[in-house]
């Protein structure tokens, strides 16, 4: 198991995880053609953030060696990035949904 020095991390996240996460997000972004630029940038950042947060958990629970952190982060970034357009579609779908209105209840006093 490799010991990380203080200079090999940014905010407690190793450079290998950061690079793997954002490369995975960028690779997945190349397949998402239906997003606007703002949505694509948001999806890219969310995919990278999810990968950075989930990689240490995956390493811990899978008992994987820390040398695989970059590869695990890549696949987390790839998968998280593919889930973001689904969430955008759900948001758009609920934004345009017509909610039924309930009829007014008559007053029992009348």
N, C-alpha and C. Protein backbone atom coordinates (compact mmCIF):
# COMPACT_ATOMS: atom_id res chain seq x y z
N UNK A 1 0.84 -1.16 0.00
CA UNK A 1 0.00 0.00 0.00
C UNK A 1 0.90 1.24 0.00
N UNK A 2 0.65 2.13 -0.93
CA UNK A 2 1.47 3.33 -1.05
C UNK A 2 1.02 4.38 -0.04
N UNK A 3 1.98 5.02 0.57
CA UNK A 3 1.70 6.09 1.52
C UNK A 3 1.73 7.40 0.76
N UNK A 4 0.66 8.15 0.88
CA UNK A 4 0.58 9.42 0.17
C UNK A 4 1.21 10.52 1.02
N UNK A 5 2.03 11.32 0.40
CA UNK A 5 2.62 12.45 1.10
C UNK A 5 1.69 13.65 0.97
N UNK A 6 1.97 14.67 1.74
CA UNK A 6 1.12 15.86 1.75
C UNK A 6 1.09 16.53 0.38
N UNK A 7 2.17 16.48 -0.38
CA UNK A 7 2.23 17.15 -1.67
C UNK A 7 1.50 16.42 -2.78
N UNK A 8 1.05 15.18 -2.56
CA UNK A 8 0.39 14.43 -3.63
C UNK A 8 -1.13 14.48 -3.52
N UNK A 9 -1.65 15.39 -2.73
CA UNK A 9 -3.10 15.52 -2.60
C UNK A 9 -3.53 16.97 -2.73
N UNK A 10 -4.79 17.15 -3.10
CA UNK A 10 -5.42 18.46 -3.11
C UNK A 10 -6.69 18.31 -2.30
N UNK A 11 -6.78 19.02 -1.19
CA UNK A 11 -7.94 18.95 -0.29
C UNK A 11 -8.22 17.52 0.14
N UNK A 12 -7.18 16.73 0.32
CA UNK A 12 -7.34 15.36 0.77
C UNK A 12 -7.63 14.35 -0.32
N UNK A 13 -7.69 14.80 -1.56
CA UNK A 13 -7.98 13.91 -2.70
C UNK A 13 -6.70 13.77 -3.51
N UNK A 14 -6.31 12.54 -3.77
CA UNK A 14 -5.05 12.33 -4.48
C UNK A 14 -5.17 12.79 -5.94
N UNK A 15 -4.05 13.15 -6.52
CA UNK A 15 -4.03 13.58 -7.91
C UNK A 15 -4.51 12.47 -8.84
N UNK A 16 -4.20 11.23 -8.53
CA UNK A 16 -4.63 10.12 -9.38
C UNK A 16 -6.15 10.02 -9.42
N UNK A 17 -6.79 10.23 -8.28
CA UNK A 17 -8.25 10.18 -8.23
C UNK A 17 -8.84 11.37 -8.99
N UNK A 18 -8.29 12.56 -8.80
CA UNK A 18 -8.79 13.74 -9.51
C UNK A 18 -8.66 13.56 -11.02
N UNK A 19 -7.50 13.13 -11.47
CA UNK A 19 -7.29 12.98 -12.91
C UNK A 19 -8.18 11.89 -13.47
N UNK A 20 -8.26 10.75 -12.79
CA UNK A 20 -9.11 9.67 -13.26
C UNK A 20 -10.58 10.06 -13.30
N UNK A 21 -11.03 10.77 -12.28
CA UNK A 21 -12.43 11.19 -12.21
C UNK A 21 -12.79 12.12 -13.35
N UNK A 22 -11.96 13.12 -13.59
CA UNK A 22 -12.30 14.09 -14.62
C UNK A 22 -12.07 13.55 -16.03
N UNK A 23 -11.15 12.63 -16.21
CA UNK A 23 -11.00 12.00 -17.53
C UNK A 23 -12.21 11.10 -17.80
N UNK A 24 -12.69 10.38 -16.79
CA UNK A 24 -13.89 9.57 -16.96
C UNK A 24 -15.11 10.42 -17.29
N UNK A 25 -15.24 11.56 -16.63
CA UNK A 25 -16.35 12.46 -16.93
C UNK A 25 -16.23 13.04 -18.33
N UNK A 26 -15.03 13.41 -18.72
CA UNK A 26 -14.83 13.97 -20.05
C UNK A 26 -15.09 12.93 -21.14
N UNK A 27 -14.67 11.70 -20.90
CA UNK A 27 -14.92 10.64 -21.89
C UNK A 27 -16.41 10.39 -22.04
N UNK A 28 -17.12 10.42 -20.97
CA UNK A 28 -18.56 10.21 -21.03
C UNK A 28 -19.27 11.41 -21.64
N UNK A 29 -18.72 12.59 -21.44
CA UNK A 29 -19.31 13.81 -22.00
C UNK A 29 -19.28 13.80 -23.52
N UNK A 30 -18.32 13.12 -24.10
CA UNK A 30 -18.22 13.09 -25.56
C UNK A 30 -19.40 12.35 -26.20
N UNK A 31 -20.11 11.53 -25.42
CA UNK A 31 -21.27 10.82 -25.95
C UNK A 31 -22.58 11.57 -25.72
N UNK A 32 -22.58 12.55 -24.85
CA UNK A 32 -23.81 13.29 -24.52
C UNK A 32 -23.92 14.50 -25.44
N UNK A 33 -24.67 14.35 -26.50
CA UNK A 33 -24.78 15.42 -27.49
C UNK A 33 -25.99 16.33 -27.27
N UNK A 34 -26.97 15.89 -26.48
CA UNK A 34 -28.21 16.63 -26.36
C UNK A 34 -28.22 17.68 -25.25
N UNK A 35 -27.09 17.92 -24.60
CA UNK A 35 -27.04 18.87 -23.50
C UNK A 35 -26.55 20.24 -23.97
N UNK A 36 -27.02 21.28 -23.28
CA UNK A 36 -26.51 22.62 -23.55
C UNK A 36 -25.12 22.74 -22.93
N UNK A 37 -24.43 23.82 -23.23
CA UNK A 37 -23.08 24.01 -22.68
C UNK A 37 -23.11 24.10 -21.15
N UNK A 38 -24.10 24.79 -20.64
CA UNK A 38 -24.22 24.94 -19.19
C UNK A 38 -24.50 23.58 -18.53
N UNK A 39 -25.39 22.81 -19.13
CA UNK A 39 -25.69 21.48 -18.59
C UNK A 39 -24.46 20.57 -18.69
N UNK A 40 -23.72 20.68 -19.80
CA UNK A 40 -22.53 19.85 -19.97
C UNK A 40 -21.47 20.18 -18.93
N UNK A 41 -21.27 21.45 -18.65
CA UNK A 41 -20.29 21.84 -17.64
C UNK A 41 -20.73 21.39 -16.25
N UNK A 42 -22.01 21.54 -15.95
CA UNK A 42 -22.53 21.08 -14.67
C UNK A 42 -22.38 19.57 -14.54
N UNK A 43 -22.71 18.85 -15.59
CA UNK A 43 -22.60 17.39 -15.58
C UNK A 43 -21.15 16.95 -15.41
N UNK A 44 -20.24 17.63 -16.07
CA UNK A 44 -18.82 17.31 -15.96
C UNK A 44 -18.33 17.49 -14.53
N UNK A 45 -18.69 18.60 -13.91
CA UNK A 45 -18.26 18.86 -12.54
C UNK A 45 -18.92 17.91 -11.54
N UNK A 46 -20.20 17.61 -11.76
CA UNK A 46 -20.89 16.68 -10.86
C UNK A 46 -20.32 15.28 -11.01
N UNK A 47 -20.05 14.86 -12.24
CA UNK A 47 -19.45 13.54 -12.45
C UNK A 47 -18.10 13.42 -11.78
N UNK A 48 -17.28 14.45 -11.89
CA UNK A 48 -15.98 14.44 -11.23
C UNK A 48 -16.10 14.45 -9.71
N UNK A 49 -17.04 15.25 -9.20
CA UNK A 49 -17.22 15.32 -7.75
C UNK A 49 -17.74 14.01 -7.17
N UNK A 50 -18.68 13.38 -7.86
CA UNK A 50 -19.19 12.09 -7.40
C UNK A 50 -18.07 11.05 -7.40
N UNK A 51 -17.26 11.06 -8.45
CA UNK A 51 -16.16 10.10 -8.53
C UNK A 51 -15.14 10.33 -7.42
N UNK A 52 -14.84 11.58 -7.13
CA UNK A 52 -13.88 11.88 -6.06
C UNK A 52 -14.41 11.47 -4.69
N UNK A 53 -15.71 11.60 -4.50
CA UNK A 53 -16.30 11.24 -3.21
C UNK A 53 -16.50 9.73 -3.07
N UNK A 54 -16.82 9.06 -4.18
CA UNK A 54 -17.17 7.64 -4.11
C UNK A 54 -15.96 6.71 -4.20
N UNK A 55 -14.86 7.18 -4.76
CA UNK A 55 -13.70 6.31 -4.92
C UNK A 55 -13.14 5.80 -3.59
N UNK A 56 -12.93 6.65 -2.58
CA UNK A 56 -12.45 6.10 -1.31
C UNK A 56 -13.41 5.10 -0.68
N UNK A 57 -14.72 5.32 -0.86
CA UNK A 57 -15.69 4.37 -0.34
C UNK A 57 -15.60 3.03 -1.07
N UNK A 58 -15.46 3.10 -2.38
CA UNK A 58 -15.34 1.86 -3.16
C UNK A 58 -14.07 1.10 -2.80
N UNK A 59 -12.98 1.81 -2.61
CA UNK A 59 -11.72 1.16 -2.23
C UNK A 59 -11.87 0.49 -0.86
N UNK A 60 -12.52 1.17 0.05
CA UNK A 60 -12.69 0.62 1.40
C UNK A 60 -13.59 -0.62 1.39
N UNK A 61 -14.77 -0.51 0.78
CA UNK A 61 -15.73 -1.61 0.86
C UNK A 61 -15.39 -2.78 -0.06
N UNK A 62 -14.65 -2.53 -1.13
CA UNK A 62 -14.24 -3.62 -2.02
C UNK A 62 -12.89 -4.21 -1.62
N UNK A 63 -12.26 -3.62 -0.61
CA UNK A 63 -10.92 -4.02 -0.19
C UNK A 63 -9.94 -4.01 -1.35
N UNK A 64 -10.09 -3.00 -2.20
CA UNK A 64 -9.22 -2.87 -3.37
C UNK A 64 -7.92 -2.19 -2.96
N UNK A 65 -6.83 -2.48 -3.65
CA UNK A 65 -5.58 -1.78 -3.34
C UNK A 65 -5.68 -0.32 -3.77
N UNK A 66 -4.99 0.54 -3.04
CA UNK A 66 -5.06 1.97 -3.35
C UNK A 66 -4.40 2.32 -4.67
N UNK A 67 -3.61 1.41 -5.21
CA UNK A 67 -3.00 1.66 -6.52
C UNK A 67 -4.06 1.70 -7.62
N UNK A 68 -5.23 1.15 -7.38
CA UNK A 68 -6.32 1.15 -8.37
C UNK A 68 -7.23 2.37 -8.23
N UNK A 69 -6.86 3.33 -7.39
CA UNK A 69 -7.73 4.48 -7.14
C UNK A 69 -8.03 5.27 -8.40
N UNK A 70 -7.03 5.47 -9.25
CA UNK A 70 -7.25 6.22 -10.48
C UNK A 70 -8.21 5.52 -11.42
N UNK A 71 -8.07 4.20 -11.55
CA UNK A 71 -8.96 3.44 -12.43
C UNK A 71 -10.38 3.40 -11.88
N UNK A 72 -10.50 3.23 -10.58
CA UNK A 72 -11.83 3.22 -9.97
C UNK A 72 -12.49 4.58 -10.13
N UNK A 73 -11.73 5.65 -9.95
CA UNK A 73 -12.26 7.01 -10.13
C UNK A 73 -12.70 7.24 -11.57
N UNK A 74 -11.95 6.70 -12.53
CA UNK A 74 -12.32 6.83 -13.94
C UNK A 74 -13.70 6.22 -14.18
N UNK A 75 -13.92 5.02 -13.68
CA UNK A 75 -15.20 4.37 -13.91
C UNK A 75 -16.34 5.02 -13.13
N UNK A 76 -16.05 5.55 -11.95
CA UNK A 76 -17.07 6.31 -11.22
C UNK A 76 -17.44 7.57 -11.99
N UNK A 77 -16.43 8.27 -12.53
CA UNK A 77 -16.70 9.47 -13.32
C UNK A 77 -17.50 9.16 -14.56
N UNK A 78 -17.16 8.06 -15.21
CA UNK A 78 -17.88 7.62 -16.40
C UNK A 78 -19.34 7.32 -16.07
N UNK A 79 -19.56 6.56 -15.02
CA UNK A 79 -20.92 6.18 -14.65
C UNK A 79 -21.74 7.34 -14.12
N UNK A 80 -21.14 8.17 -13.29
CA UNK A 80 -21.87 9.31 -12.72
C UNK A 80 -22.24 10.30 -13.80
N UNK A 81 -21.35 10.48 -14.74
CA UNK A 81 -21.62 11.41 -15.83
C UNK A 81 -22.76 10.92 -16.71
N UNK A 82 -22.89 9.63 -16.88
CA UNK A 82 -23.98 9.08 -17.69
C UNK A 82 -25.32 9.21 -16.96
N UNK A 83 -25.31 9.33 -15.64
CA UNK A 83 -26.55 9.46 -14.88
C UNK A 83 -27.07 10.90 -14.87
N UNK A 84 -26.19 11.87 -15.09
CA UNK A 84 -26.59 13.28 -15.01
C UNK A 84 -27.64 13.64 -16.07
N UNK A 85 -27.49 13.23 -17.35
CA UNK A 85 -28.56 13.57 -18.31
C UNK A 85 -29.92 12.98 -17.94
N UNK A 86 -29.92 11.86 -17.27
CA UNK A 86 -31.19 11.28 -16.81
C UNK A 86 -31.84 12.22 -15.79
N UNK A 87 -31.04 12.76 -14.88
CA UNK A 87 -31.58 13.69 -13.90
C UNK A 87 -32.06 14.98 -14.56
N UNK A 88 -31.33 15.48 -15.58
CA UNK A 88 -31.79 16.66 -16.30
C UNK A 88 -33.12 16.39 -16.99
N UNK A 89 -33.28 15.21 -17.57
CA UNK A 89 -34.54 14.86 -18.23
C UNK A 89 -35.68 14.79 -17.22
N UNK A 90 -35.41 14.23 -16.04
CA UNK A 90 -36.45 14.19 -15.01
C UNK A 90 -36.83 15.58 -14.53
N UNK A 91 -35.85 16.46 -14.40
CA UNK A 91 -36.14 17.83 -13.99
C UNK A 91 -36.99 18.53 -15.03
N UNK A 92 -36.62 18.39 -16.31
CA UNK A 92 -37.41 19.01 -17.38
C UNK A 92 -38.82 18.44 -17.44
N UNK A 93 -38.93 17.15 -17.21
CA UNK A 93 -40.23 16.50 -17.26
C UNK A 93 -41.14 17.00 -16.14
N UNK A 94 -40.60 17.15 -14.94
CA UNK A 94 -41.42 17.65 -13.84
C UNK A 94 -41.68 19.14 -13.95
N UNK A 95 -40.78 19.86 -14.59
CA UNK A 95 -40.98 21.30 -14.76
C UNK A 95 -42.15 21.57 -15.69
N UNK A 96 -42.34 20.75 -16.70
CA UNK A 96 -43.40 20.95 -17.68
C UNK A 96 -44.66 20.15 -17.36
N UNK A 97 -44.70 19.48 -16.25
CA UNK A 97 -45.86 18.66 -15.90
C UNK A 97 -47.03 19.54 -15.49
N UNK A 98 -48.19 19.15 -15.93
CA UNK A 98 -49.41 19.86 -15.54
C UNK A 98 -50.00 19.13 -14.33
N UNK A 99 -50.02 19.81 -13.24
CA UNK A 99 -50.57 19.22 -12.01
C UNK A 99 -52.08 19.40 -11.99
N UNK A 100 -52.80 18.35 -11.64
CA UNK A 100 -54.25 18.49 -11.58
C UNK A 100 -54.66 19.37 -10.40
N UNK A 101 -55.70 20.11 -10.61
CA UNK A 101 -56.21 20.93 -9.52
C UNK A 101 -57.39 20.20 -8.91
N UNK A 102 -57.44 20.24 -7.62
CA UNK A 102 -58.54 19.62 -6.90
C UNK A 102 -59.72 20.56 -6.84
N UNK A 103 -60.91 20.02 -7.01
CA UNK A 103 -62.08 20.91 -6.92
C UNK A 103 -62.24 21.41 -5.48
N UNK A 104 -62.78 22.57 -5.37
CA UNK A 104 -63.04 23.12 -4.04
C UNK A 104 -64.07 22.27 -3.33
N UNK A 105 -63.82 22.06 -2.07
CA UNK A 105 -64.76 21.30 -1.25
C UNK A 105 -65.87 22.24 -0.78
N UNK A 106 -67.10 21.78 -0.86
CA UNK A 106 -68.17 22.66 -0.36
C UNK A 106 -68.09 22.80 1.16
N UNK A 107 -68.48 23.93 1.61
CA UNK A 107 -68.50 24.18 3.05
C UNK A 107 -69.58 23.32 3.70
N UNK A 108 -69.27 22.64 4.77
CA UNK A 108 -70.31 21.82 5.43
C UNK A 108 -71.39 22.68 6.09
N UNK A 109 -71.11 23.96 6.33
CA UNK A 109 -72.09 24.85 6.98
C UNK A 109 -73.20 25.25 6.01
N UNK A 110 -72.97 25.14 4.74
CA UNK A 110 -73.98 25.61 3.78
C UNK A 110 -75.06 24.61 3.56
